[in-house]
């Protein structure tokens, strides 16, 4: 099981640095920690467009979305390679429902 986040350029890998921290990113980091503790064997990766551009090309669906819609479609979340959400981060509840279905 693997959740991947394809993210827009940010100031640092987590996005929770600098003078104005985005609360959505703080919540995402908390949710990732919760999921990693609860689901052993779950992999979670975050890719930033400016730092890992090749990862965006490796997933055909992600590449097509970004190519057609531009950076506005970001962030994109995938589960086992399938797009589960675009334009925002899934909630903890959304991610757990998807994990439990697999």
C-alpha atoms as a PDB file:
ATOM      1  CA  UNK A   1       0.000   0.000   0.000  1.00  0.00           C
ATOM      2  CA  UNK A   2       1.338   3.363  -0.963  1.00  0.00           C
ATOM      3  CA  UNK A   3       0.031   6.919  -0.747  1.00  0.00           C
ATOM      4  CA  UNK A   4       1.844   9.552  -2.760  1.00  0.00           C
ATOM      5  CA  UNK A   5       1.418  13.308  -2.775  1.00  0.00           C
ATOM      6  CA  UNK A   6       2.472  15.317  -5.825  1.00  0.00           C
ATOM      7  CA  UNK A   7       2.878  18.864  -4.584  1.00  0.00           C
ATOM      8  CA  UNK A   8       3.502  22.342  -5.952  1.00  0.00           C
ATOM      9  CA  UNK A   9       6.779  24.155  -5.247  1.00  0.00           C
ATOM     10  CA  UNK A  10       7.186  24.995  -1.547  1.00  0.00           C
ATOM     11  CA  UNK A  11       9.845  26.608   0.615  1.00  0.00           C
ATOM     12  CA  UNK A  12      10.952  23.265   2.089  1.00  0.00           C
ATOM     13  CA  UNK A  13      10.090  19.555   1.746  1.00  0.00           C
ATOM     14  CA  UNK A  14       7.293  19.651   4.322  1.00  0.00           C
ATOM     15  CA  UNK A  15       5.989  23.144   3.580  1.00  0.00           C
ATOM     16  CA  UNK A  16       5.763  23.883   7.306  1.00  0.00           C
ATOM     17  CA  UNK A  17       8.535  26.406   7.544  1.00  0.00           C
ATOM     18  CA  UNK A  18       8.875  30.122   7.052  1.00  0.00           C
ATOM     19  CA  UNK A  19       6.926  32.996   8.586  1.00  0.00           C
ATOM     20  CA  UNK A  20       3.422  31.924   7.505  1.00  0.00           C
ATOM     21  CA  UNK A  21       2.754  28.224   7.908  1.00  0.00           C
ATOM     22  CA  UNK A  22      -0.176  26.757   5.972  1.00  0.00           C
ATOM     23  CA  UNK A  23      -2.388  24.935   8.462  1.00  0.00           C
ATOM     24  CA  UNK A  24      -3.419  22.422   5.757  1.00  0.00           C
ATOM     25  CA  UNK A  25       0.211  21.284   5.566  1.00  0.00           C
ATOM     26  CA  UNK A  26       0.494  21.024   9.344  1.00  0.00           C
ATOM     27  CA  UNK A  27      -2.610  18.820   9.330  1.00  0.00           C
ATOM     28  CA  UNK A  28      -1.184  16.726   6.487  1.00  0.00           C
ATOM     29  CA  UNK A  29       2.007  16.020   8.461  1.00  0.00           C
ATOM     30  CA  UNK A  30      -0.104  15.031  11.494  1.00  0.00           C
ATOM     31  CA  UNK A  31      -2.278  12.765   9.326  1.00  0.00           C
ATOM     32  CA  UNK A  32       0.778  11.098   7.775  1.00  0.00           C
ATOM     33  CA  UNK A  33       2.183  10.371  11.233  1.00  0.00           C
ATOM     34  CA  UNK A  34      -1.159   8.917  12.338  1.00  0.00           C
ATOM     35  CA  UNK A  35      -1.421   6.685   9.270  1.00  0.00           C
ATOM     36  CA  UNK A  36       2.155   5.427   9.551  1.00  0.00           C
ATOM     37  CA  UNK A  37       1.561   4.426  13.179  1.00  0.00           C
ATOM     38  CA  UNK A  38      -1.798   2.785  12.501  1.00  0.00           C
ATOM     39  CA  UNK A  39      -1.071   0.911   9.251  1.00  0.00           C
ATOM     40  CA  UNK A  40       2.181  -1.007   9.287  1.00  0.00           C
ATOM     41  CA  UNK A  41       3.554  -1.507   5.820  1.00  0.00           C
ATOM     42  CA  UNK A  42       1.921   1.642   4.474  1.00  0.00           C
ATOM     43  CA  UNK A  43       4.359   3.747   2.464  1.00  0.00           C
ATOM     44  CA  UNK A  44       3.778   7.478   2.175  1.00  0.00           C
ATOM     45  CA  UNK A  45       5.835   9.659  -0.148  1.00  0.00           C
ATOM     46  CA  UNK A  46       5.713  13.361  -0.952  1.00  0.00           C
ATOM     47  CA  UNK A  47       7.122  14.743  -4.187  1.00  0.00           C
ATOM     48  CA  UNK A  48       7.628  18.403  -4.932  1.00  0.00           C
ATOM     49  CA  UNK A  49       7.484  19.552  -8.537  1.00  0.00           C
ATOM     50  CA  UNK A  50      10.711  21.522  -8.262  1.00  0.00           C
ATOM     51  CA  UNK A  51      12.701  18.836  -6.454  1.00  0.00           C
ATOM     52  CA  UNK A  52      11.457  15.538  -7.946  1.00  0.00           C
ATOM     53  CA  UNK A  53      10.081  16.405 -11.412  1.00  0.00           C
ATOM     54  CA  UNK A  54      10.782  12.880 -12.697  1.00  0.00           C
ATOM     55  CA  UNK A  55       8.257  11.458 -10.193  1.00  0.00           C
ATOM     56  CA  UNK A  56       5.531  13.512 -11.882  1.00  0.00           C
ATOM     57  CA  UNK A  57       6.381  11.873 -15.230  1.00  0.00           C
ATOM     58  CA  UNK A  58       6.475   8.346 -13.799  1.00  0.00           C
ATOM     59  CA  UNK A  59       2.732   8.318 -13.082  1.00  0.00           C
ATOM     60  CA  UNK A  60       0.878   8.736 -16.393  1.00  0.00           C
ATOM     61  CA  UNK A  61      -2.321  10.018 -14.735  1.00  0.00           C
ATOM     62  CA  UNK A  62      -0.463  12.631 -12.695  1.00  0.00           C
ATOM     63  CA  UNK A  63       1.597  13.731 -15.694  1.00  0.00           C
ATOM     64  CA  UNK A  64      -1.527  14.067 -17.864  1.00  0.00           C
ATOM     65  CA  UNK A  65      -3.380  16.101 -15.206  1.00  0.00           C
ATOM     66  CA  UNK A  66      -0.476  18.515 -14.734  1.00  0.00           C
ATOM     67  CA  UNK A  67       0.108  18.810 -18.465  1.00  0.00           C
ATOM     68  CA  UNK A  68      -3.573  19.563 -19.158  1.00  0.00           C
ATOM     69  CA  UNK A  69      -4.440  21.684 -16.103  1.00  0.00           C
ATOM     70  CA  UNK A  70      -1.109  23.110 -14.988  1.00  0.00           C
ATOM     71  CA  UNK A  71       0.015  23.633 -11.416  1.00  0.00           C
ATOM     72  CA  UNK A  72      -3.518  24.581 -10.301  1.00  0.00           C
ATOM     73  CA  UNK A  73      -4.388  20.856 -10.160  1.00  0.00           C
ATOM     74  CA  UNK A  74      -1.769  20.340  -7.424  1.00  0.00           C
ATOM     75  CA  UNK A  75      -1.597  18.809  -4.930  1.00  0.00           C
ATOM     76  CA  UNK A  76      -2.532  15.423  -6.353  1.00  0.00           C
ATOM     77  CA  UNK A  77      -2.879  12.422  -4.048  1.00  0.00           C
ATOM     78  CA  UNK A  78      -2.640   8.833  -5.257  1.00  0.00           C
ATOM     79  CA  UNK A  79      -3.209   5.463  -3.620  1.00  0.00           C
ATOM     80  CA  UNK A  80      -1.343   2.554  -5.192  1.00  0.00           C
ATOM     81  CA  UNK A  81      -0.776   4.743  -8.251  1.00  0.00           C
ATOM     82  CA  UNK A  82      -4.434   5.718  -8.754  1.00  0.00           C
ATOM     83  CA  UNK A  83      -5.441   9.360  -8.376  1.00  0.00           C
ATOM     84  CA  UNK A  84      -7.714   9.787  -5.351  1.00  0.00           C
ATOM     85  CA  UNK A  85      -7.836  13.587  -5.056  1.00  0.00           C
ATOM     86  CA  UNK A  86      -6.720  16.691  -6.951  1.00  0.00           C
ATOM     87  CA  UNK A  87      -6.487  20.327  -5.941  1.00  0.00           C
ATOM     88  CA  UNK A  88      -6.244  19.584  -2.226  1.00  0.00           C
ATOM     89  CA  UNK A  89      -5.116  17.080   0.346  1.00  0.00           C
ATOM     90  CA  UNK A  90      -7.398  14.227   1.377  1.00  0.00           C
ATOM     91  CA  UNK A  91      -8.542  14.228   4.975  1.00  0.00           C
ATOM     92  CA  UNK A  92      -7.472  11.536   7.408  1.00  0.00           C
ATOM     93  CA  UNK A  93     -10.958  10.030   7.140  1.00  0.00           C
ATOM     94  CA  UNK A  94     -10.798   9.962   3.326  1.00  0.00           C
ATOM     95  CA  UNK A  95      -7.406   8.252   3.359  1.00  0.00           C
ATOM     96  CA  UNK A  96      -8.487   5.697   5.946  1.00  0.00           C
ATOM     97  CA  UNK A  97     -11.590   4.775   3.937  1.00  0.00           C
ATOM     98  CA  UNK A  98      -9.434   4.144   0.871  1.00  0.00           C
ATOM     99  CA  UNK A  99      -6.890   2.116   2.854  1.00  0.00           C
ATOM    100  CA  UNK A 100      -9.614  -0.002   4.448  1.00  0.00           C
ATOM    101  CA  UNK A 101     -11.180  -0.773   1.048  1.00  0.00           C
ATOM    102  CA  UNK A 102      -7.925  -2.239  -0.259  1.00  0.00           C
END
